[in-house]
Amino acid sequence: MGVTTDLPLVSVIIPAYNAERFIEQTLASVCHQTYPNLEIIIVDDGSRDRTVEILRQWERNDSRVQLITQANAGVAAARNLAISYSQSR
């Protein structure tokens, strides 16, 4: 679903830890925004529930979604890692 546009690329960064209850709703909300030029970077911070499984499905189905996994290091480390992957400037 990649979109080429003259609008600036916006990076949506989502740190996630054991978020299986809410991650679908979160991604659905972000993916249904009307702004067309988004990249959605999710860092799973060592979840022990089904969060990664759910996110992999989203990543397969929407080219804007990028999943990064890391051992549990906290929300700040997850955000910083996502920023390092961001293509927006």
Protein backbone atom coordinates (compact mmCIF):
# COMPACT_ATOMS: atom_id res chain seq x y z
CA MET A 1 0.00 0.00 0.00
CA GLY A 2 2.98 2.34 -0.49
CA VAL A 3 1.99 5.84 -1.54
CA THR A 4 4.16 8.21 -3.54
CA THR A 5 3.27 11.80 -2.84
CA ASP A 6 4.69 15.28 -2.57
CA LEU A 7 3.59 15.39 1.07
CA PRO A 8 6.32 14.86 3.65
CA LEU A 9 6.74 11.38 5.06
CA VAL A 10 5.48 11.12 8.63
CA SER A 11 6.81 8.40 10.93
CA VAL A 12 4.40 6.98 13.47
CA ILE A 13 6.40 5.27 16.21
CA ILE A 14 4.70 2.73 18.45
CA PRO A 15 6.59 1.05 21.28
CA ALA A 16 4.79 -2.15 22.35
CA TYR A 17 5.16 -4.46 25.32
CA ASN A 18 2.59 -7.19 25.99
CA ALA A 19 0.07 -5.15 24.00
CA GLU A 20 -2.00 -7.94 22.47
CA ARG A 21 -5.23 -6.53 23.97
CA PHE A 22 -4.91 -3.15 22.28
CA ILE A 23 -2.42 -3.36 19.41
CA GLU A 24 -5.01 -4.26 16.73
CA GLN A 25 -7.15 -1.25 17.65
CA THR A 26 -4.08 0.98 17.75
CA LEU A 27 -2.89 -0.09 14.30
CA ALA A 28 -6.36 0.08 12.79
CA SER A 29 -6.67 3.66 14.01
CA VAL A 30 -3.29 4.68 12.60
CA CYS A 31 -3.81 2.86 9.29
CA HIS A 32 -7.18 4.51 8.72
CA GLN A 33 -5.84 8.06 8.95
CA THR A 34 -6.43 10.16 5.85
CA TYR A 35 -2.84 11.42 5.62
CA PRO A 36 -1.41 9.34 2.75
CA ASN A 37 2.34 9.36 3.37
CA LEU A 38 2.96 7.39 6.57
CA GLU A 39 5.47 4.88 7.79
CA ILE A 40 4.46 2.98 10.91
CA ILE A 41 7.38 1.69 12.95
CA ILE A 42 6.54 -0.61 15.83
CA VAL A 43 9.18 -1.79 18.26
CA ASP A 44 8.20 -4.84 20.27
CA ASP A 45 10.08 -4.60 23.54
CA GLY A 46 10.30 -8.29 24.42
CA SER A 47 6.59 -9.09 24.68
CA ARG A 48 5.63 -12.48 26.10
CA ASP A 49 2.08 -12.54 24.76
CA ARG A 50 0.81 -12.65 21.15
CA THR A 51 1.88 -9.07 20.33
CA VAL A 52 4.62 -10.09 17.86
CA GLU A 53 2.36 -12.60 16.12
CA ILE A 54 -0.33 -9.95 15.63
CA LEU A 55 2.22 -7.39 14.43
CA ARG A 56 3.77 -9.79 11.91
CA GLN A 57 0.34 -10.26 10.36
CA TRP A 58 -0.08 -6.48 10.03
CA GLU A 59 3.43 -6.17 8.58
CA ARG A 60 2.60 -8.78 5.92
CA ASN A 61 -0.64 -7.03 4.97
CA ASP A 62 0.38 -3.36 4.97
CA SER A 63 3.65 -2.15 3.45
CA ARG A 64 3.64 0.93 5.70
CA VAL A 65 4.06 -1.23 8.81
CA GLN A 66 7.57 -2.17 9.91
CA LEU A 67 8.12 -4.40 12.95
CA ILE A 68 11.35 -4.31 14.90
CA THR A 69 11.91 -6.60 17.88
CA GLN A 70 14.29 -6.21 20.77
CA ALA A 71 14.86 -7.77 24.18
CA ASN A 72 13.05 -5.85 26.90
CA ALA A 73 14.95 -2.59 27.33
CA GLY A 74 12.17 -0.14 28.19
CA VAL A 75 10.03 2.34 26.34
CA ALA A 76 12.76 4.97 25.84
CA ALA A 77 15.09 2.44 24.21
CA ALA A 78 12.22 1.23 22.01
CA ARG A 79 11.47 4.79 20.85
CA ASN A 80 15.13 5.52 20.17
CA LEU A 81 15.49 2.34 18.14
CA ALA A 82 12.41 3.25 16.08
CA ILE A 83 13.80 6.72 15.42
CA SER A 84 16.99 5.16 14.06
CA TYR A 85 14.88 3.25 11.49
CA SER A 86 12.76 6.24 10.51
CA GLN A 87 12.98 7.48 6.92
CA SER A 88 11.29 10.81 7.63
CA ARG A 89 13.36 13.91 8.23
